[in-house]
Amino acid sequence: MYNMDLTEDQIERYSRQIVLKEVGGIGQKKLLNSKVSLIGLGALGSSTAYYLVAAGIGSLRIIDFDLVEISNLHRQILHFTKDINKIKTKSAAEKLNALNPDCNIEIINDRISSKNSKEFLKGSDFVIEGSDNLPTKMLINDTCISLKIPFTIAGVLRFHGQIMTVVPENKTACYRCVFGDRTEGDSSMSCSQAGVIGFVPGVLGCLEANEALKYILNVGELLTNKILYVDLLRYSFDFIEVHRDTNCLACGDQAKDLVESLNYGGLDACNDQ
């Protein structure tokens, strides 16, 4: 299945992870043959994208529609001062292409919605959600379950963050199992209102990238059927066990495809952390 031979440059570039028994040459080929989709090129997406590309993900599809603003720069490290008012996808692609030419950067400069989410995400081996609003997270949850694509969702606020991973084929608990049928978020609890310290989404974004790599390599333990809650003010890392809801609208025993039937009210996808 993985017939790509590693070049001498690739062996040298990835040597520090190839020597890991969990990766090796076969694992590196898996990474180079994989496609990950990333929704949001803000604070979560910045660290996620950097580490996925550095690790040798073969194709990274980046989805966003926003422009870089000066208020982004304290946490959205993909973007520099010179990028203010530049389209985030263009700004990100410049940095990622410079970091690793092995990775094909596929740009979708558009707002993800229930009308296009399946088209945007199809063919992905793994999806990473990095927006800062509940409607988008619910949409990605529902779309990935419909397409049977594994995905991870994270969120941050102030000094706190949380992350969970869903593997639809394994019938693990999904985001909607935890948060129910809500599609409207509380706008007063966005990062712009409540604030966020810049390194918190950096940490959570790294964890999202780690989940993608572990899934592709089929190693370790994923954050399924649990939420990892991180408090970097107190340095506490707590796991909250969650269970699949058999009556869940998205993944329950009688679930139906929600993407085209629900109104994801207040959707402002990729208004990212």
Protein backbone atom coordinates (compact mmCIF):
# COMPACT_ATOMS: atom_id res chain seq x y z
CA MET A 1 0.00 0.00 0.00
CA TYR A 2 2.78 2.41 0.90
CA ASN A 3 5.08 2.23 -2.10
CA MET A 4 6.79 5.59 -1.70
CA ASP A 5 10.52 5.19 -1.18
CA LEU A 6 12.15 7.67 1.16
CA THR A 7 14.80 9.86 -0.38
CA GLU A 8 18.09 10.53 1.35
CA ASP A 9 16.90 14.05 2.18
CA GLN A 10 13.70 12.67 3.71
CA ILE A 11 15.58 10.11 5.77
CA GLU A 12 17.73 12.91 7.14
CA ARG A 13 14.83 15.35 7.64
CA TYR A 14 12.70 12.87 9.59
CA SER A 15 15.56 10.91 11.18
CA ARG A 16 14.67 11.83 14.77
CA GLN A 17 11.19 10.32 14.42
CA ILE A 18 12.10 7.48 12.09
CA VAL A 19 14.31 6.06 14.86
CA LEU A 20 11.23 5.74 17.07
CA LYS A 21 9.95 2.17 17.03
CA GLU A 22 6.40 3.57 16.79
CA VAL A 23 7.26 5.31 13.50
CA GLY A 24 10.15 3.81 11.55
CA GLY A 25 10.39 3.97 7.78
CA ILE A 26 6.99 2.34 7.29
CA GLY A 27 5.32 4.85 9.59
CA GLN A 28 7.01 7.76 7.85
CA LYS A 29 5.68 6.49 4.53
CA LYS A 30 2.20 6.37 6.07
CA LEU A 31 2.52 10.01 7.08
CA LEU A 32 3.78 11.03 3.64
CA ASN A 33 0.80 9.26 2.03
CA SER A 34 -1.80 10.81 4.34
CA LYS A 35 -4.18 13.74 3.96
CA VAL A 36 -5.32 15.85 6.91
CA SER A 37 -7.89 18.64 6.75
CA LEU A 38 -7.59 21.58 9.14
CA ILE A 39 -10.48 23.96 9.74
CA GLY A 40 -9.25 27.28 11.07
CA LEU A 41 -5.84 28.92 10.79
CA GLY A 42 -5.91 30.81 14.05
CA ALA A 43 -4.22 29.95 17.32
CA LEU A 44 -5.14 26.27 17.43
CA GLY A 45 -4.52 25.84 13.73
CA SER A 46 -1.16 27.59 13.86
CA SER A 47 0.65 25.11 16.08
CA THR A 48 -1.30 22.19 14.58
CA ALA A 49 -0.28 23.08 11.05
CA TYR A 50 3.37 23.69 11.89
CA TYR A 51 3.82 20.33 13.56
CA LEU A 52 1.83 18.32 11.02
CA VAL A 53 3.86 19.73 8.16
CA ALA A 54 7.14 19.35 10.06
CA ALA A 55 6.29 15.69 10.75
CA GLY A 56 5.86 14.98 7.05
CA ILE A 57 2.10 14.82 6.50
CA GLY A 58 1.86 14.40 2.75
CA SER A 59 -1.12 16.64 2.14
CA LEU A 60 -2.64 19.30 4.38
CA ARG A 61 -5.92 20.88 3.35
CA ILE A 62 -6.33 24.26 5.07
CA ILE A 63 -9.76 25.88 5.30
CA ASP A 64 -10.36 29.48 6.38
CA PHE A 65 -11.83 32.69 5.02
CA ASP A 66 -10.57 35.34 7.46
CA LEU A 67 -7.96 38.05 7.08
CA VAL A 68 -5.05 38.47 9.48
CA GLU A 69 -5.67 41.13 12.11
CA ILE A 70 -3.17 42.70 14.49
CA SER A 71 -5.10 41.30 17.48
CA ASN A 72 -4.42 37.77 16.16
CA LEU A 73 -0.67 37.98 16.39
CA HIS A 74 -0.13 37.29 20.10
CA ARG A 75 -1.35 33.72 19.64
CA GLN A 76 -1.76 32.93 15.91
CA ILE A 77 1.90 32.23 15.23
CA LEU A 78 1.44 31.24 11.58
CA HIS A 79 0.99 34.94 10.83
CA PHE A 80 3.49 37.77 11.11
CA THR A 81 3.12 41.55 11.37
CA LYS A 82 3.74 41.89 7.63
CA ASP A 83 0.71 39.64 7.02
CA ILE A 84 -1.88 41.99 8.52
CA ASN A 85 -4.89 42.22 6.16
CA LYS A 86 -3.60 39.23 4.17
CA ILE A 87 -5.85 36.21 3.60
CA LYS A 88 -5.01 33.68 6.31
CA THR A 89 -4.79 30.73 3.92
CA LYS A 90 -2.20 32.57 1.82
CA SER A 91 -0.24 33.68 4.88
CA ALA A 92 -0.25 30.13 6.26
CA ALA A 93 0.70 28.47 2.98
CA GLU A 94 3.75 30.71 2.65
CA LYS A 95 5.13 29.61 6.03
CA LEU A 96 4.22 25.94 5.62
CA ASN A 97 5.69 25.63 2.14
CA ALA A 98 8.89 27.20 3.40
CA LEU A 99 9.02 24.80 6.34
CA ASN A 100 8.63 21.58 4.36
CA PRO A 101 8.29 21.27 0.57
CA ASP A 102 7.37 17.58 1.02
CA CYS A 103 3.89 18.62 2.11
CA ASN A 104 1.28 19.56 -0.47
CA ILE A 105 -0.74 22.49 0.89
CA GLU A 106 -4.27 22.51 -0.47
CA ILE A 107 -5.99 25.86 0.09
CA ILE A 108 -9.73 26.39 0.51
CA ASN A 109 -10.33 30.08 1.06
CA ASP A 110 -14.01 29.88 1.93
CA ARG A 111 -16.41 29.72 4.84
CA ILE A 112 -17.31 26.14 5.68
CA SER A 113 -21.04 25.52 5.93
CA SER A 114 -23.60 22.75 5.78
CA LYS A 115 -23.75 23.29 2.01
CA ASN A 116 -20.08 22.59 1.37
CA SER A 117 -18.67 20.76 4.40
CA LYS A 118 -18.91 17.29 2.87
CA GLU A 119 -17.21 18.43 -0.31
CA PHE A 120 -14.46 20.19 1.63
CA LEU A 121 -13.69 17.27 3.97
CA LYS A 122 -14.17 14.21 1.78
CA GLY A 123 -11.06 12.15 1.14
CA SER A 124 -9.44 13.16 4.42
CA ASP A 125 -7.72 10.56 6.56
CA PHE A 126 -8.21 12.79 9.60
CA VAL A 127 -9.88 16.14 10.33
CA ILE A 128 -8.83 18.74 12.89
CA GLU A 129 -11.30 21.38 14.03
CA GLY A 130 -9.85 24.70 15.18
CA SER A 131 -12.68 27.23 15.24
CA ASP A 132 -13.85 29.17 18.27
CA ASN A 133 -17.61 28.71 18.00
CA LEU A 134 -20.04 25.94 18.85
CA PRO A 135 -22.01 25.89 15.56
CA THR A 136 -18.85 25.15 13.57
CA LYS A 137 -17.78 22.43 15.99
CA MET A 138 -21.21 20.80 15.70
CA LEU A 139 -21.09 21.03 11.91
CA ILE A 140 -17.66 19.39 11.74
CA ASN A 141 -18.80 16.72 14.20
CA ASP A 142 -21.88 15.90 12.15
CA THR A 143 -20.08 16.02 8.80
CA CYS A 144 -17.22 13.77 9.89
CA ILE A 145 -19.63 11.25 11.39
CA SER A 146 -21.61 11.24 8.15
CA LEU A 147 -18.41 10.68 6.14
CA LYS A 148 -16.96 8.29 8.77
CA ILE A 149 -13.78 10.35 9.07
CA PRO A 150 -11.98 10.42 12.45
CA PHE A 151 -11.49 13.89 13.90
CA THR A 152 -10.42 15.87 16.91
CA ILE A 153 -12.02 18.99 18.38
CA ALA A 154 -10.40 21.42 20.81
CA GLY A 155 -11.41 24.68 22.42
CA VAL A 156 -9.64 27.24 24.55
CA LEU A 157 -10.55 30.17 26.79
CA ARG A 158 -8.49 32.23 29.22
CA PHE A 159 -5.95 29.75 30.66
CA HIS A 160 -8.02 26.64 29.93
CA GLY A 161 -8.46 24.18 27.11
CA GLN A 162 -10.25 20.96 26.31
CA ILE A 163 -9.86 18.35 23.58
CA MET A 164 -11.54 15.14 22.49
CA THR A 165 -11.20 12.78 19.54
CA VAL A 166 -13.96 10.89 17.75
CA VAL A 167 -13.57 7.75 15.61
CA PRO A 168 -16.97 7.18 13.96
CA GLU A 169 -16.22 3.64 12.76
CA ASN A 170 -15.47 2.63 16.34
CA LYS A 171 -18.70 4.26 17.58
CA THR A 172 -16.92 6.42 20.13
CA ALA A 173 -18.71 9.25 21.91
CA CYS A 174 -19.01 12.36 19.76
CA TYR A 175 -19.08 16.07 20.50
CA ARG A 176 -22.86 16.10 20.29
CA CYS A 177 -23.05 13.29 22.87
CA VAL A 178 -21.46 15.74 25.30
CA PHE A 179 -23.14 19.02 24.32
CA GLY A 180 -26.49 17.77 23.05
CA ASP A 181 -28.48 19.37 20.25
CA ARG A 182 -27.19 22.90 20.76
CA THR A 183 -26.14 24.76 17.63
CA GLU A 184 -26.10 28.27 19.10
CA GLY A 185 -23.09 29.38 21.11
CA ASP A 186 -22.80 32.05 23.77
CA SER A 187 -21.04 34.89 21.95
CA SER A 188 -20.02 36.45 25.27
CA MET A 189 -17.72 33.49 25.87
CA SER A 190 -15.59 33.93 22.75
CA CYS A 191 -11.89 34.63 23.06
CA SER A 192 -12.48 38.22 21.98
CA GLN A 193 -14.75 38.77 24.99
CA ALA A 194 -13.31 36.50 27.67
CA GLY A 195 -9.66 36.60 26.59
CA VAL A 196 -7.06 33.89 26.12
CA ILE A 197 -3.37 33.62 26.95
CA GLY A 198 -1.46 32.84 23.77
CA PHE A 199 0.32 29.64 24.74
CA VAL A 200 -2.89 27.78 25.72
CA PRO A 201 -4.10 27.24 22.12
CA GLY A 202 -0.49 26.48 21.22
CA VAL A 203 -0.48 23.56 23.64
CA LEU A 204 -3.93 22.34 22.58
CA GLY A 205 -3.03 22.65 18.90
CA CYS A 206 0.02 20.46 19.48
CA LEU A 207 -2.22 17.90 21.15
CA GLU A 208 -4.56 17.96 18.13
CA ALA A 209 -1.61 17.31 15.81
CA ASN A 210 -0.51 14.47 18.08
CA GLU A 211 -3.94 12.84 17.81
CA ALA A 212 -3.76 12.95 14.01
CA LEU A 213 -0.29 11.41 13.93
CA LYS A 214 -1.21 8.68 16.41
CA TYR A 215 -4.28 7.75 14.40
CA ILE A 216 -2.40 7.61 11.10
CA LEU A 217 0.42 5.60 12.67
CA ASN A 218 -2.01 3.45 14.68
CA VAL A 219 0.00 3.88 17.87
CA GLY A 220 -0.74 4.89 21.44
CA GLU A 221 -4.08 5.75 22.96
CA LEU A 222 -6.40 8.34 21.42
CA LEU A 223 -8.52 10.80 23.39
CA THR A 224 -11.71 8.88 22.62
CA ASN A 225 -14.59 8.52 25.08
CA LYS A 226 -12.92 11.14 27.22
CA ILE A 227 -12.20 14.85 27.34
CA LEU A 228 -8.79 16.11 28.38
CA TYR A 229 -9.28 19.33 30.34
CA VAL A 230 -6.16 21.47 30.70
CA ASP A 231 -5.74 24.31 33.19
CA LEU A 232 -2.38 25.95 32.60
CA LEU A 233 -2.91 28.45 35.39
CA ARG A 234 -2.82 25.63 37.95
CA TYR A 235 -1.00 23.09 35.77
CA SER A 236 -3.74 20.51 36.06
CA PHE A 237 -4.50 17.95 33.38
CA ASP A 238 -7.75 16.09 34.04
CA PHE A 239 -9.54 13.41 32.06
CA ILE A 240 -13.33 13.47 32.02
CA GLU A 241 -14.89 10.17 30.98
CA VAL A 242 -17.74 10.50 28.49
CA HIS A 243 -20.08 7.91 27.05
CA ARG A 244 -21.71 7.55 23.68
CA ASP A 245 -25.37 8.53 23.83
CA THR A 246 -27.37 5.83 22.07
CA ASN A 247 -30.02 8.49 21.41
CA CYS A 248 -27.52 11.01 20.03
CA LEU A 249 -28.81 12.80 16.93
CA ALA A 250 -25.45 12.38 15.18
CA CYS A 251 -24.04 9.00 16.24
CA GLY A 252 -26.88 7.25 18.10
CA ASP A 253 -28.49 3.98 17.13
CA GLN A 254 -31.26 5.76 15.19
CA ALA A 255 -29.14 8.67 13.96
CA LYS A 256 -29.72 10.26 10.58
CA ASP A 257 -27.52 12.49 8.44
CA LEU A 258 -27.90 15.91 10.09
CA VAL A 259 -25.74 18.07 7.87
CA GLU A 260 -28.33 19.06 5.32
CA SER A 261 -31.31 19.05 7.67
CA LEU A 262 -30.12 21.19 10.61
CA ASN A 263 -29.79 24.95 10.84
CA TYR A 264 -26.36 25.61 12.36
CA GLY A 265 -27.46 28.97 13.71
CA GLY A 266 -24.83 31.64 14.23
CA LEU A 267 -22.35 29.79 12.04
CA ASP A 268 -19.21 31.86 11.58
CA ALA A 269 -16.78 29.13 10.68
CA CYS A 270 -13.07 29.73 11.04
CA ASN A 271 -13.53 32.75 13.25
CA ASP A 272 -10.71 30.95 14.89
CA GLN A 273 -9.53 31.16 18.50
